[in-house]
C-alpha cells in the first residue's frame, strides 16, 4: 500500500469517526430539546416551524413545507393548530394579496427564545470543563464546517 493510499484510508476512517460524532451530538441535542419542549404547549414539528420562521421571517406554506420536508397539506394542518394556539398568524402579502404568509406572533417568539436559552444553558454546562482554547477551537471549526456545507448546498441547488 502506497503512502497516498494509506493516508486516504486514514482520512476515510477519521471522516467516519467525525460523522458519527456529529450525528451523536445532533441526536443528544435533539433529545435534550425534546425534554425542554415538554415544558411548553407545542410539539417538536411546531417548534421546528417556529425556528424556521424565527430565523428567516415570514414564509408561505409552500416555502415552510420545503424547509421542513413536509407535504403542504401536513404543513397547513400544523399551521392551523399553531394559529389556534396564537403562535402564528396568516397575513396577506403587501405586494401580492393572493399570497398568504405565515407570521410569527409574540407568543411564538417567546417560546423560541425560552427553549433556545435553555438549550444554550445545557451546552454551557457541558462545555464548563473545556479550556477556553478548546471552546474557541470548537467554535471556529464548526463555523468553518458550516460555511463549507453552505457552499456545497448552494452548489447542489444550482443543478
N, C-alpha and C. Protein backbone atom coordinates (compact mmCIF):
# COMPACT_ATOMS: atom_id res chain seq x y z
N UNK A 1 0.86 -1.18 0.00
CA UNK A 1 0.00 0.00 0.00
C UNK A 1 0.90 1.24 0.00
N UNK A 2 0.61 2.18 -0.91
CA UNK A 2 1.42 3.40 -1.00
C UNK A 2 1.07 4.36 0.14
N UNK A 3 1.94 5.35 0.33
CA UNK A 3 1.68 6.35 1.38
C UNK A 3 0.36 7.09 1.11
N UNK A 4 0.11 7.37 -0.18
CA UNK A 4 -1.12 8.09 -0.53
C UNK A 4 -2.35 7.25 -0.21
N UNK A 5 -2.28 5.94 -0.54
CA UNK A 5 -3.40 5.05 -0.24
C UNK A 5 -3.60 4.92 1.28
N UNK A 6 -2.48 4.85 2.01
CA UNK A 6 -2.55 4.75 3.47
C UNK A 6 -3.18 6.02 4.06
N UNK A 7 -2.78 7.19 3.55
CA UNK A 7 -3.33 8.46 4.04
C UNK A 7 -4.82 8.55 3.74
N UNK A 8 -5.23 8.10 2.54
CA UNK A 8 -6.64 8.13 2.17
C UNK A 8 -7.45 7.22 3.09
N UNK A 9 -6.90 6.02 3.40
CA UNK A 9 -7.59 5.09 4.30
C UNK A 9 -7.75 5.73 5.68
N UNK A 10 -6.71 6.36 6.18
CA UNK A 10 -6.78 7.03 7.47
C UNK A 10 -7.81 8.16 7.43
N UNK A 11 -7.78 8.93 6.36
CA UNK A 11 -8.73 10.03 6.23
C UNK A 11 -10.17 9.51 6.25
N UNK A 12 -10.44 8.43 5.53
CA UNK A 12 -11.79 7.86 5.50
C UNK A 12 -12.21 7.38 6.88
N UNK A 13 -11.27 6.76 7.60
CA UNK A 13 -11.58 6.31 8.96
C UNK A 13 -11.86 7.51 9.87
N UNK A 14 -11.07 8.56 9.72
CA UNK A 14 -11.26 9.75 10.53
C UNK A 14 -12.59 10.43 10.19
N UNK A 15 -12.91 10.50 8.91
CA UNK A 15 -14.18 11.08 8.48
C UNK A 15 -15.34 10.29 9.07
N UNK A 16 -15.22 8.97 9.09
CA UNK A 16 -16.28 8.14 9.67
C UNK A 16 -16.47 8.44 11.15
N UNK A 17 -15.37 8.62 11.86
CA UNK A 17 -15.44 8.94 13.30
C UNK A 17 -16.07 10.31 13.50
N UNK A 18 -15.68 11.30 12.69
CA UNK A 18 -16.22 12.65 12.79
C UNK A 18 -17.72 12.65 12.48
N UNK A 19 -18.11 11.95 11.40
CA UNK A 19 -19.53 11.88 11.02
C UNK A 19 -20.35 11.26 12.14
N UNK A 20 -19.84 10.18 12.72
CA UNK A 20 -20.57 9.52 13.80
C UNK A 20 -20.67 10.44 15.02
N UNK A 21 -19.61 11.14 15.34
CA UNK A 21 -19.63 12.06 16.48
C UNK A 21 -20.64 13.18 16.25
N UNK A 22 -20.64 13.76 15.05
CA UNK A 22 -21.59 14.83 14.74
C UNK A 22 -23.03 14.32 14.83
N UNK A 23 -23.26 13.12 14.32
CA UNK A 23 -24.60 12.53 14.36
C UNK A 23 -25.04 12.30 15.81
N UNK A 24 -24.13 11.81 16.64
CA UNK A 24 -24.47 11.55 18.03
C UNK A 24 -24.70 12.86 18.80
N UNK A 25 -23.89 13.88 18.54
CA UNK A 25 -24.09 15.19 19.17
C UNK A 25 -25.45 15.74 18.76
N UNK A 26 -25.76 15.64 17.47
CA UNK A 26 -27.06 16.12 16.98
C UNK A 26 -28.21 15.38 17.66
N UNK A 27 -28.08 14.07 17.80
CA UNK A 27 -29.13 13.28 18.45
C UNK A 27 -29.31 13.69 19.91
N UNK A 28 -28.21 13.92 20.61
CA UNK A 28 -28.29 14.31 22.02
C UNK A 28 -28.94 15.68 22.15
N UNK A 29 -28.54 16.61 21.30
CA UNK A 29 -29.13 17.95 21.34
C UNK A 29 -30.62 17.87 21.02
N UNK A 30 -30.98 17.06 20.02
CA UNK A 30 -32.39 16.90 19.66
C UNK A 30 -33.18 16.31 20.83
N UNK A 31 -32.61 15.28 21.49
CA UNK A 31 -33.28 14.66 22.63
C UNK A 31 -33.43 15.65 23.77
N UNK A 32 -32.37 16.40 24.07
CA UNK A 32 -32.43 17.41 25.13
C UNK A 32 -33.48 18.47 24.77
N UNK A 33 -33.52 18.86 23.50
CA UNK A 33 -34.51 19.81 23.04
C UNK A 33 -35.93 19.31 23.25
N UNK A 34 -36.15 18.02 23.02
CA UNK A 34 -37.49 17.44 23.23
C UNK A 34 -37.85 17.44 24.71
N UNK A 35 -36.86 17.17 25.56
CA UNK A 35 -37.12 17.23 27.01
C UNK A 35 -37.53 18.65 27.41
N UNK A 36 -36.84 19.64 26.88
CA UNK A 36 -37.15 21.04 27.17
C UNK A 36 -38.55 21.38 26.65
N UNK A 37 -38.87 20.88 25.44
CA UNK A 37 -40.18 21.17 24.83
C UNK A 37 -41.34 20.63 25.65
N UNK A 38 -41.09 19.59 26.47
CA UNK A 38 -42.16 19.05 27.31
C UNK A 38 -42.72 20.10 28.26
N UNK A 39 -41.95 21.15 28.52
CA UNK A 39 -42.39 22.22 29.41
C UNK A 39 -43.27 23.25 28.68
N UNK A 40 -43.42 23.10 27.36
CA UNK A 40 -44.13 24.08 26.55
C UNK A 40 -45.29 23.41 25.82
N UNK A 41 -46.31 24.21 25.48
CA UNK A 41 -47.52 23.63 24.85
C UNK A 41 -47.38 23.48 23.33
N UNK A 42 -46.23 22.95 22.86
CA UNK A 42 -46.05 22.74 21.42
C UNK A 42 -45.39 21.39 21.17
N UNK A 43 -45.55 20.91 19.95
CA UNK A 43 -44.94 19.65 19.54
C UNK A 43 -43.60 19.93 18.87
N UNK A 44 -42.73 18.91 18.75
CA UNK A 44 -41.46 19.13 18.06
C UNK A 44 -41.62 19.68 16.63
N UNK A 45 -42.56 19.18 15.81
CA UNK A 45 -42.71 19.79 14.48
C UNK A 45 -43.13 21.26 14.53
N UNK A 46 -43.97 21.61 15.50
CA UNK A 46 -44.35 23.01 15.65
C UNK A 46 -43.14 23.85 16.02
N UNK A 47 -42.28 23.32 16.88
CA UNK A 47 -41.07 24.05 17.26
C UNK A 47 -40.16 24.26 16.05
N UNK A 48 -40.04 23.23 15.23
CA UNK A 48 -39.20 23.35 14.03
C UNK A 48 -39.76 24.45 13.12
N UNK A 49 -41.07 24.48 12.96
CA UNK A 49 -41.69 25.53 12.15
C UNK A 49 -41.41 26.90 12.76
N UNK A 50 -41.55 27.02 14.07
CA UNK A 50 -41.26 28.29 14.74
C UNK A 50 -39.80 28.71 14.53
N UNK A 51 -38.89 27.75 14.59
CA UNK A 51 -37.47 28.06 14.37
C UNK A 51 -37.24 28.63 12.97
N UNK A 52 -37.83 28.00 11.95
CA UNK A 52 -37.66 28.48 10.58
C UNK A 52 -38.20 29.90 10.44
N UNK A 53 -39.38 30.14 11.00
CA UNK A 53 -39.99 31.47 10.91
C UNK A 53 -39.17 32.50 11.70
N UNK A 54 -38.64 32.09 12.83
CA UNK A 54 -37.81 32.99 13.65
C UNK A 54 -36.51 33.34 12.90
N UNK A 55 -35.94 32.35 12.26
CA UNK A 55 -34.65 32.53 11.59
C UNK A 55 -34.76 33.30 10.27
N UNK A 56 -35.82 33.03 9.50
CA UNK A 56 -35.90 33.57 8.14
C UNK A 56 -37.07 34.52 7.91
N UNK A 57 -37.91 34.73 8.92
CA UNK A 57 -39.03 35.65 8.75
C UNK A 57 -40.24 34.99 8.12
N UNK A 58 -41.22 35.81 7.76
CA UNK A 58 -42.48 35.32 7.19
C UNK A 58 -42.24 34.46 5.96
N UNK A 59 -43.01 33.39 5.84
CA UNK A 59 -42.91 32.47 4.69
C UNK A 59 -44.30 32.02 4.28
N UNK A 60 -44.39 31.58 3.04
CA UNK A 60 -45.63 30.94 2.59
C UNK A 60 -45.65 29.51 3.12
N UNK A 61 -46.81 28.88 3.05
CA UNK A 61 -46.91 27.46 3.44
C UNK A 61 -45.96 26.62 2.58
N UNK A 62 -45.91 26.92 1.29
CA UNK A 62 -45.04 26.17 0.39
C UNK A 62 -43.57 26.29 0.77
N UNK A 63 -43.14 27.51 1.09
CA UNK A 63 -41.74 27.72 1.48
C UNK A 63 -41.42 26.97 2.77
N UNK A 64 -42.33 27.07 3.74
CA UNK A 64 -42.13 26.38 5.02
C UNK A 64 -42.15 24.87 4.82
N UNK A 65 -43.05 24.38 3.99
CA UNK A 65 -43.13 22.94 3.69
C UNK A 65 -41.81 22.44 3.13
N UNK A 66 -41.26 23.22 2.22
CA UNK A 66 -39.99 22.86 1.59
C UNK A 66 -38.86 22.80 2.62
N UNK A 67 -38.80 23.79 3.50
CA UNK A 67 -37.75 23.83 4.54
C UNK A 67 -37.87 22.65 5.49
N UNK A 68 -39.12 22.26 5.79
CA UNK A 68 -39.36 21.21 6.77
C UNK A 68 -39.46 19.82 6.14
N UNK A 69 -39.39 19.75 4.81
CA UNK A 69 -39.52 18.48 4.08
C UNK A 69 -40.86 17.80 4.41
N UNK A 70 -41.92 18.61 4.40
CA UNK A 70 -43.28 18.09 4.65
C UNK A 70 -44.17 18.41 3.47
N UNK A 71 -45.24 17.66 3.33
CA UNK A 71 -46.25 17.97 2.30
C UNK A 71 -46.95 19.26 2.71
N UNK A 72 -47.40 20.01 1.71
CA UNK A 72 -48.12 21.27 2.01
C UNK A 72 -49.34 21.02 2.88
N UNK A 73 -50.05 19.91 2.65
CA UNK A 73 -51.25 19.62 3.45
C UNK A 73 -50.87 19.38 4.92
N UNK A 74 -49.76 18.72 5.15
CA UNK A 74 -49.29 18.48 6.53
C UNK A 74 -48.91 19.80 7.19
N UNK A 75 -48.23 20.65 6.45
CA UNK A 75 -47.81 21.95 6.98
C UNK A 75 -49.03 22.82 7.24
N UNK A 76 -50.02 22.76 6.37
CA UNK A 76 -51.26 23.53 6.57
C UNK A 76 -51.93 23.12 7.88
N UNK A 77 -52.02 21.81 8.13
CA UNK A 77 -52.60 21.32 9.39
C UNK A 77 -51.79 21.81 10.59
N UNK A 78 -50.49 21.77 10.46
CA UNK A 78 -49.59 22.23 11.52
C UNK A 78 -49.82 23.72 11.82
N UNK A 79 -49.90 24.51 10.76
CA UNK A 79 -50.12 25.96 10.91
C UNK A 79 -51.50 26.24 11.50
N UNK A 80 -52.51 25.46 11.08
CA UNK A 80 -53.86 25.63 11.65
C UNK A 80 -53.82 25.50 13.17
N UNK A 81 -53.15 24.45 13.67
CA UNK A 81 -53.06 24.24 15.12
C UNK A 81 -52.26 25.35 15.79
N UNK A 82 -51.18 25.79 15.14
CA UNK A 82 -50.34 26.86 15.71
C UNK A 82 -51.10 28.19 15.74
N UNK A 83 -51.93 28.40 14.74
CA UNK A 83 -52.72 29.63 14.68
C UNK A 83 -53.76 29.63 15.81
N UNK A 84 -54.37 28.48 16.05
CA UNK A 84 -55.35 28.37 17.15
C UNK A 84 -54.69 28.64 18.50
N UNK A 85 -53.42 28.27 18.63
CA UNK A 85 -52.68 28.49 19.88
C UNK A 85 -52.00 29.86 19.92
N UNK A 86 -52.30 30.70 18.93
CA UNK A 86 -51.79 32.08 18.85
C UNK A 86 -50.26 32.15 18.81
N UNK A 87 -49.65 31.18 18.11
CA UNK A 87 -48.21 31.19 17.92
C UNK A 87 -47.84 31.89 16.61
N UNK A 88 -48.73 31.76 15.61
CA UNK A 88 -48.52 32.36 14.29
C UNK A 88 -49.85 32.91 13.79
N UNK A 89 -49.76 33.70 12.73
CA UNK A 89 -50.97 34.16 12.04
C UNK A 89 -50.70 34.18 10.55
N UNK A 90 -51.77 34.04 9.79
CA UNK A 90 -51.68 34.17 8.34
C UNK A 90 -51.90 35.64 8.00
N UNK A 91 -51.03 36.18 7.15
CA UNK A 91 -51.16 37.57 6.72
C UNK A 91 -51.02 37.64 5.21
N UNK A 92 -51.79 38.52 4.60
CA UNK A 92 -51.69 38.70 3.15
C UNK A 92 -50.42 39.49 2.83
N UNK A 93 -49.74 39.06 1.78
CA UNK A 93 -48.53 39.74 1.32
C UNK A 93 -48.90 41.15 0.86
N UNK A 94 -48.11 42.13 1.25
CA UNK A 94 -48.41 43.52 0.89
C UNK A 94 -48.22 43.78 -0.59
N UNK A 95 -47.35 43.00 -1.24
CA UNK A 95 -47.09 43.19 -2.68
C UNK A 95 -48.04 42.40 -3.57
N UNK A 96 -48.55 41.29 -3.06
CA UNK A 96 -49.43 40.44 -3.85
C UNK A 96 -50.47 39.82 -2.91
N UNK A 97 -51.66 40.34 -2.92
CA UNK A 97 -52.68 39.94 -1.94
C UNK A 97 -53.15 38.49 -2.13
N UNK A 98 -52.75 37.87 -3.25
CA UNK A 98 -53.08 36.45 -3.44
C UNK A 98 -52.18 35.56 -2.59
N UNK A 99 -51.03 36.10 -2.18
CA UNK A 99 -50.04 35.34 -1.42
C UNK A 99 -50.31 35.52 0.07
N UNK A 100 -50.34 34.41 0.79
CA UNK A 100 -50.53 34.44 2.24
C UNK A 100 -49.24 33.96 2.89
N UNK A 101 -48.76 34.73 3.83
CA UNK A 101 -47.53 34.39 4.55
C UNK A 101 -47.85 34.03 6.00
N UNK A 102 -47.01 33.20 6.55
CA UNK A 102 -47.14 32.81 7.96
C UNK A 102 -46.22 33.73 8.75
N UNK A 103 -46.81 34.40 9.74
CA UNK A 103 -46.09 35.39 10.55
C UNK A 103 -46.00 34.89 11.99
N UNK A 104 -44.82 34.96 12.56
CA UNK A 104 -44.58 34.55 13.94
C UNK A 104 -45.09 35.61 14.90
N UNK A 105 -45.94 35.20 15.84
CA UNK A 105 -46.50 36.12 16.83
C UNK A 105 -45.63 36.14 18.09
N UNK A 106 -45.90 37.11 18.96
CA UNK A 106 -45.09 37.29 20.17
C UNK A 106 -45.03 36.02 21.03
N UNK A 107 -46.15 35.32 21.17
CA UNK A 107 -46.17 34.09 21.97
C UNK A 107 -45.22 33.05 21.38
N UNK A 108 -45.20 32.93 20.06
CA UNK A 108 -44.27 32.02 19.39
C UNK A 108 -42.82 32.44 19.57
N UNK A 109 -42.57 33.76 19.45
CA UNK A 109 -41.21 34.29 19.66
C UNK A 109 -40.73 34.01 21.07
N UNK A 110 -41.62 34.15 22.03
CA UNK A 110 -41.26 33.94 23.44
C UNK A 110 -40.86 32.48 23.67
N UNK A 111 -41.63 31.56 23.09
CA UNK A 111 -41.32 30.13 23.24
C UNK A 111 -39.96 29.83 22.62
N UNK A 112 -39.72 30.34 21.42
CA UNK A 112 -38.43 30.12 20.76
C UNK A 112 -37.29 30.62 21.64
N UNK A 113 -37.40 31.85 22.12
CA UNK A 113 -36.34 32.43 22.97
C UNK A 113 -36.09 31.57 24.20
N UNK A 114 -37.16 31.15 24.87
CA UNK A 114 -37.01 30.38 26.11
C UNK A 114 -36.39 29.01 25.85
N UNK A 115 -36.83 28.32 24.81
CA UNK A 115 -36.30 26.99 24.50
C UNK A 115 -34.83 27.10 24.10
N UNK A 116 -34.51 28.05 23.24
CA UNK A 116 -33.11 28.20 22.81
C UNK A 116 -32.23 28.59 24.00
N UNK A 117 -32.74 29.44 24.87
CA UNK A 117 -31.97 29.82 26.06
C UNK A 117 -31.68 28.58 26.92
N UNK A 118 -32.66 27.72 27.10
CA UNK A 118 -32.45 26.51 27.90
C UNK A 118 -31.46 25.57 27.22
N UNK A 119 -31.52 25.48 25.90
CA UNK A 119 -30.55 24.66 25.16
C UNK A 119 -29.14 25.22 25.35
N UNK A 120 -29.03 26.54 25.30
CA UNK A 120 -27.72 27.17 25.47
C UNK A 120 -27.17 26.94 26.88
N UNK A 121 -28.03 26.99 27.88
CA UNK A 121 -27.61 26.71 29.26
C UNK A 121 -27.10 25.27 29.35
N UNK A 122 -27.82 24.35 28.71
CA UNK A 122 -27.38 22.95 28.69
C UNK A 122 -25.99 22.84 28.07
N UNK A 123 -25.79 23.46 26.91
CA UNK A 123 -24.50 23.39 26.23
C UNK A 123 -23.41 24.07 27.06
N UNK A 124 -23.75 25.18 27.69
CA UNK A 124 -22.78 25.88 28.55
C UNK A 124 -22.32 24.95 29.69
N UNK A 125 -23.25 24.21 30.25
CA UNK A 125 -22.90 23.27 31.32
C UNK A 125 -21.99 22.16 30.81
N UNK A 126 -22.26 21.68 29.61
CA UNK A 126 -21.43 20.63 29.01
C UNK A 126 -20.01 21.16 28.75
N UNK A 127 -19.91 22.40 28.29
CA UNK A 127 -18.61 22.99 27.93
C UNK A 127 -17.84 23.53 29.14
N UNK A 128 -18.43 23.46 30.32
CA UNK A 128 -17.82 24.05 31.52
C UNK A 128 -16.41 23.55 31.79
N UNK A 129 -16.15 22.28 31.52
CA UNK A 129 -14.82 21.72 31.81
C UNK A 129 -13.84 21.85 30.65
N UNK A 130 -14.29 22.45 29.54
CA UNK A 130 -13.39 22.68 28.40
C UNK A 130 -12.51 23.89 28.71
N UNK A 131 -11.29 23.86 28.18
CA UNK A 131 -10.45 25.06 28.28
C UNK A 131 -11.01 26.10 27.31
N UNK A 132 -10.68 27.36 27.55
CA UNK A 132 -11.14 28.42 26.64
C UNK A 132 -10.59 28.20 25.24
N UNK A 133 -9.35 27.72 25.14
CA UNK A 133 -8.75 27.43 23.83
C UNK A 133 -9.56 26.36 23.10
N UNK A 134 -10.00 25.33 23.82
CA UNK A 134 -10.79 24.27 23.18
C UNK A 134 -12.17 24.78 22.75
N UNK A 135 -12.78 25.62 23.56
CA UNK A 135 -14.08 26.20 23.19
C UNK A 135 -13.91 27.07 21.95
N UNK A 136 -12.86 27.91 21.93
CA UNK A 136 -12.60 28.76 20.77
C UNK A 136 -12.35 27.93 19.52
N UNK A 137 -11.56 26.85 19.66
CA UNK A 137 -11.25 25.98 18.53
C UNK A 137 -12.51 25.29 18.02
N UNK A 138 -13.35 24.83 18.96
CA UNK A 138 -14.60 24.18 18.57
C UNK A 138 -15.49 25.15 17.80
N UNK A 139 -15.64 26.36 18.32
CA UNK A 139 -16.46 27.37 17.65
C UNK A 139 -15.93 27.66 16.25
N UNK A 140 -14.63 27.88 16.15
CA UNK A 140 -14.02 28.19 14.85
C UNK A 140 -14.19 27.02 13.88
N UNK A 141 -13.95 25.83 14.34
CA UNK A 141 -14.04 24.65 13.47
C UNK A 141 -15.47 24.43 12.98
N UNK A 142 -16.44 24.60 13.88
CA UNK A 142 -17.84 24.43 13.48
C UNK A 142 -18.27 25.51 12.50
N UNK A 143 -17.77 26.73 12.68
CA UNK A 143 -18.08 27.81 11.73
C UNK A 143 -17.52 27.50 10.35
N UNK A 144 -16.29 27.01 10.30
CA UNK A 144 -15.67 26.65 9.01
C UNK A 144 -16.45 25.51 8.36
N UNK A 145 -16.79 24.49 9.14
CA UNK A 145 -17.57 23.36 8.62
C UNK A 145 -18.91 23.83 8.08
N UNK A 146 -19.60 24.68 8.83
CA UNK A 146 -20.90 25.20 8.41
C UNK A 146 -20.78 25.99 7.10
N UNK A 147 -19.79 26.84 7.00
CA UNK A 147 -19.61 27.63 5.77
C UNK A 147 -19.33 26.74 4.57
N UNK A 148 -18.52 25.71 4.74
CA UNK A 148 -18.24 24.78 3.64
C UNK A 148 -19.50 24.02 3.24
N UNK A 149 -20.30 23.63 4.22
CA UNK A 149 -21.54 22.92 3.92
C UNK A 149 -22.54 23.83 3.23
N UNK A 150 -22.57 25.10 3.61
CA UNK A 150 -23.46 26.06 2.93
C UNK A 150 -23.05 26.21 1.47
N UNK A 151 -21.74 26.32 1.22
CA UNK A 151 -21.26 26.43 -0.17
C UNK A 151 -21.67 25.20 -0.96
N UNK A 152 -21.50 24.03 -0.36
CA UNK A 152 -21.86 22.78 -1.03
C UNK A 152 -23.36 22.73 -1.31
N UNK A 153 -24.16 23.18 -0.36
CA UNK A 153 -25.62 23.20 -0.54
C UNK A 153 -26.00 24.12 -1.69
N UNK A 154 -25.34 25.26 -1.79
CA UNK A 154 -25.61 26.20 -2.89
C UNK A 154 -25.24 25.59 -4.24
N UNK A 155 -24.15 24.82 -4.27
CA UNK A 155 -23.75 24.15 -5.50
C UNK A 155 -24.83 23.16 -5.94
N UNK A 156 -25.38 22.40 -4.99
CA UNK A 156 -26.40 21.42 -5.31
C UNK A 156 -27.69 22.08 -5.77
N UNK A 157 -28.01 23.26 -5.23
CA UNK A 157 -29.22 23.97 -5.63
C UNK A 157 -29.15 24.40 -7.09
N UNK A 158 -27.95 24.62 -7.59
CA UNK A 158 -27.82 25.11 -8.96
C UNK A 158 -28.02 24.03 -10.00
N UNK A 159 -28.11 22.76 -9.59
CA UNK A 159 -28.32 21.66 -10.56
C UNK A 159 -29.77 21.45 -10.87
